[in-house]
Amino acid sequence: MEKLIGEFSLGLFFWQSLIFIGLFFLLKKFAWKPILDAVNERETSIKDALASAEAARNEMESLQSDNQRILKEARAEKEALLKEARATRSELINGAKEEAQVEAQKILAQAQDAIQNEKRAAVNELKEQVGSIAMEIAEKVLQKELESNDKQLQLVEQLLKDTNLK
C-alpha cells in the first residue's frame, strides 16, 4: 500500500505538474499577455497623465509669471501716464498763470496810460478854466479900476512909461 500510495503520489505529482505547466502556457498565451498589455497601457496612460499634469503646472506657472510681468508693466505704464498728466497739468497751470500775468500787465499799462491821458486832459481843462476865470477876474478888476477917466489916464501913462523903459 505504501508502494501504491507512493506511485499514486508520484503519478499525481506528475499529472498536477503537467496540468500546471499546461495551464501556465495557456494562461501565458491567452491571459498574461492581455493582462500585461492592459497593465502596461494603464501605466503608460498614468505616465502620460502625470506628464500632462506637469506640463499644465509648468504652463500655469509660466502664465502666472507672465501675468505678474504684465501687471508690473501695466502699473509702470499707469505711473508714467499719471506722471505725464501731472507734468502736463503743471505746465498748463504755469502757462495760464504766465498768460494771466502778461495780460494783467497789459491791462495795468493800458489803465495807467488812460489815467495819464485823463490827467493831462483834466490839467489842460483846468488850465483853460483857470485862464478863463483869471481873464474874467482881470476884466472885472480893470472895469472897476477904470471906471473913472482919471484912473484910465493914469494907467495909460504908466503903461507908456513901462514900455519906454524896456
Protein backbone atom coordinates (compact mmCIF):
# COMPACT_ATOMS: atom_id res chain seq x y z
CA MET A 1 0.00 0.00 0.00
CA GLU A 2 2.79 2.26 0.62
CA LYS A 3 4.04 1.49 -2.78
CA LEU A 4 0.69 2.24 -4.21
CA ILE A 5 0.46 5.49 -2.30
CA GLY A 6 3.99 6.35 -3.41
CA GLU A 7 3.16 5.59 -7.03
CA PHE A 8 -0.14 7.39 -6.73
CA SER A 9 1.60 10.41 -5.24
CA LEU A 10 4.24 10.31 -7.88
CA GLY A 11 1.59 9.93 -10.64
CA LEU A 12 -0.48 12.66 -9.04
CA PHE A 13 2.53 14.89 -8.83
CA PHE A 14 3.32 14.23 -12.49
CA TRP A 15 -0.21 15.00 -13.65
CA GLN A 16 -0.51 18.02 -11.45
CA SER A 17 2.81 19.27 -12.77
CA LEU A 18 1.74 18.59 -16.33
CA ILE A 19 -1.60 20.32 -15.78
CA PHE A 20 0.15 23.23 -14.07
CA ILE A 21 2.65 23.61 -16.91
CA GLY A 22 -0.15 23.35 -19.49
CA LEU A 23 -2.26 25.83 -17.56
CA PHE A 24 0.77 28.07 -17.24
CA PHE A 25 1.33 28.07 -21.02
CA LEU A 26 -2.35 28.61 -21.69
CA LEU A 27 -2.52 31.47 -19.25
CA LYS A 28 0.72 32.90 -20.65
CA LYS A 29 -0.58 32.77 -24.18
CA PHE A 30 -4.15 33.91 -23.60
CA ALA A 31 -4.37 35.71 -20.24
CA TRP A 32 -0.99 37.09 -19.24
CA LYS A 33 -0.31 38.96 -22.43
CA PRO A 34 -3.65 40.83 -22.40
CA ILE A 35 -3.29 41.43 -18.64
CA LEU A 36 0.29 42.69 -19.05
CA ASP A 37 -0.74 44.77 -22.08
CA ALA A 38 -3.59 46.28 -20.06
CA VAL A 39 -1.23 46.96 -17.13
CA ASN A 40 1.37 48.47 -19.49
CA GLU A 41 -1.32 50.55 -21.20
CA ARG A 42 -2.58 51.70 -17.82
CA GLU A 43 0.98 52.55 -16.75
CA THR A 44 1.54 54.47 -19.99
CA SER A 45 -1.71 56.41 -19.61
CA ILE A 46 -0.81 57.23 -15.98
CA LYS A 47 2.66 58.43 -17.11
CA ASP A 48 1.06 60.49 -19.88
CA ALA A 49 -1.46 61.96 -17.44
CA LEU A 50 1.37 62.82 -15.00
CA ALA A 51 3.38 64.39 -17.84
CA SER A 52 0.30 66.37 -18.94
CA ALA A 53 -0.31 67.49 -15.37
CA GLU A 54 3.34 68.55 -15.05
CA ALA A 55 3.12 70.41 -18.37
CA ALA A 56 -0.10 72.09 -17.25
CA ARG A 57 1.51 73.05 -13.94
CA ASN A 58 4.53 74.48 -15.79
CA GLU A 59 2.24 76.36 -18.14
CA MET A 60 0.26 77.74 -15.20
CA GLU A 61 3.50 78.89 -13.57
CA SER A 62 4.53 80.48 -16.86
CA LEU A 63 1.15 82.17 -17.19
CA GLN A 64 1.34 83.39 -13.62
CA SER A 65 4.79 84.84 -14.20
CA ASP A 66 3.57 86.40 -17.45
CA ASN A 67 0.56 87.82 -15.61
CA GLN A 68 2.84 89.24 -12.92
CA ARG A 69 5.10 90.76 -15.58
CA ILE A 70 2.13 92.23 -17.47
CA LEU A 71 0.69 93.57 -14.23
CA LYS A 72 4.02 95.21 -13.35
CA GLU A 73 4.25 96.70 -16.84
CA ALA A 74 0.67 97.99 -16.58
CA ARG A 75 1.42 99.56 -13.21
CA ALA A 76 4.59 101.14 -14.54
CA GLU A 77 2.70 102.46 -17.57
CA LYS A 78 -0.07 103.80 -15.32
CA GLU A 79 2.50 105.57 -13.16
CA ALA A 80 4.20 107.01 -16.24
CA LEU A 81 0.85 108.25 -17.59
CA LEU A 82 -0.05 109.78 -14.23
CA LYS A 83 3.35 111.44 -14.01
CA GLU A 84 2.95 112.80 -17.54
CA ALA A 85 -0.57 114.01 -16.75
CA ARG A 86 0.69 115.77 -13.62
CA ALA A 87 3.50 117.40 -15.61
CA THR A 88 1.07 118.49 -18.32
CA ARG A 89 -1.31 119.87 -15.72
CA SER A 90 1.53 121.82 -14.07
CA GLU A 91 2.66 123.16 -17.44
CA LEU A 92 -0.89 124.23 -18.31
CA ILE A 93 -1.37 125.90 -14.93
CA ASN A 94 2.00 127.67 -15.15
CA GLY A 95 1.28 128.73 -18.73
CA ALA A 96 -2.13 130.06 -17.73
CA LYS A 97 -0.58 131.94 -14.79
CA GLU A 98 2.06 133.49 -17.04
CA GLU A 99 -0.56 134.47 -19.62
CA ALA A 100 -2.72 135.95 -16.88
CA GLN A 101 0.25 137.93 -15.53
CA VAL A 102 1.15 139.20 -19.00
CA GLU A 103 -2.48 140.12 -19.65
CA ALA A 104 -2.72 141.80 -16.24
CA GLN A 105 0.44 143.78 -17.00
CA LYS A 106 -1.02 144.87 -20.34
CA ILE A 107 -4.29 145.88 -18.73
CA LEU A 108 -2.40 147.70 -15.96
CA ALA A 109 -0.22 149.53 -18.51
CA GLN A 110 -3.29 150.47 -20.55
CA ALA A 111 -5.04 151.68 -17.40
CA GLN A 112 -2.01 153.75 -16.40
CA ASP A 113 -1.85 155.24 -19.90
CA ALA A 114 -5.56 156.01 -19.76
CA ILE A 115 -5.12 157.60 -16.32
CA GLN A 116 -2.21 159.73 -17.60
CA ASN A 117 -4.25 160.83 -20.63
CA GLU A 118 -7.23 161.68 -18.45
CA LYS A 119 -4.93 163.51 -16.04
CA ARG A 120 -3.40 165.57 -18.88
CA ALA A 121 -6.83 166.33 -20.27
CA ALA A 122 -8.07 167.35 -16.81
CA VAL A 123 -5.00 169.53 -16.22
CA ASN A 124 -5.41 171.20 -19.63
CA GLU A 125 -9.10 171.75 -18.99
CA LEU A 126 -8.28 173.12 -15.53
CA LYS A 127 -5.67 175.47 -17.03
CA GLU A 128 -8.21 176.69 -19.57
CA GLN A 129 -10.80 177.21 -16.86
CA VAL A 130 -8.26 178.96 -14.59
CA GLY A 131 -7.14 181.14 -17.52
CA SER A 132 -10.70 181.95 -18.39
CA ILE A 133 -11.55 182.72 -14.73
CA ALA A 134 -8.39 184.82 -14.42
CA MET A 135 -9.36 186.76 -17.53
CA GLU A 136 -12.83 187.36 -16.18
CA ILE A 137 -11.44 188.48 -12.82
CA ALA A 138 -8.88 190.73 -14.53
CA GLU A 139 -11.58 192.15 -16.73
CA LYS A 140 -13.80 192.89 -13.75
CA VAL A 141 -10.92 194.37 -11.77
CA LEU A 142 -9.94 196.57 -14.70
CA GLN A 143 -13.53 197.66 -15.19
CA LYS A 144 -13.71 198.64 -11.54
CA GLU A 145 -10.35 200.33 -11.62
CA LEU A 146 -11.00 202.15 -14.82
CA GLU A 147 -14.48 203.48 -14.05
CA SER A 148 -13.19 206.98 -13.80
CA ASN A 149 -11.35 208.84 -16.57
CA ASP A 150 -8.57 209.87 -14.24
CA LYS A 151 -7.70 206.35 -13.43
CA GLN A 152 -7.73 205.38 -17.10
CA LEU A 153 -5.30 208.18 -17.90
CA GLN A 154 -3.00 207.17 -15.07
CA LEU A 155 -2.98 203.58 -16.33
CA VAL A 156 -2.18 204.65 -19.90
CA GLU A 157 0.66 206.88 -18.69
CA GLN A 158 2.01 204.09 -16.53
CA LEU A 159 1.93 201.66 -19.44
CA LEU A 160 3.71 204.17 -21.65
CA LYS A 161 6.44 204.68 -19.12
CA ASP A 162 6.89 200.91 -18.72
CA THR A 163 7.15 200.43 -22.46
CA ASN A 164 9.69 203.22 -22.86
CA LEU A 165 11.88 201.75 -20.21
CA LYS A 166 12.10 198.46 -21.86
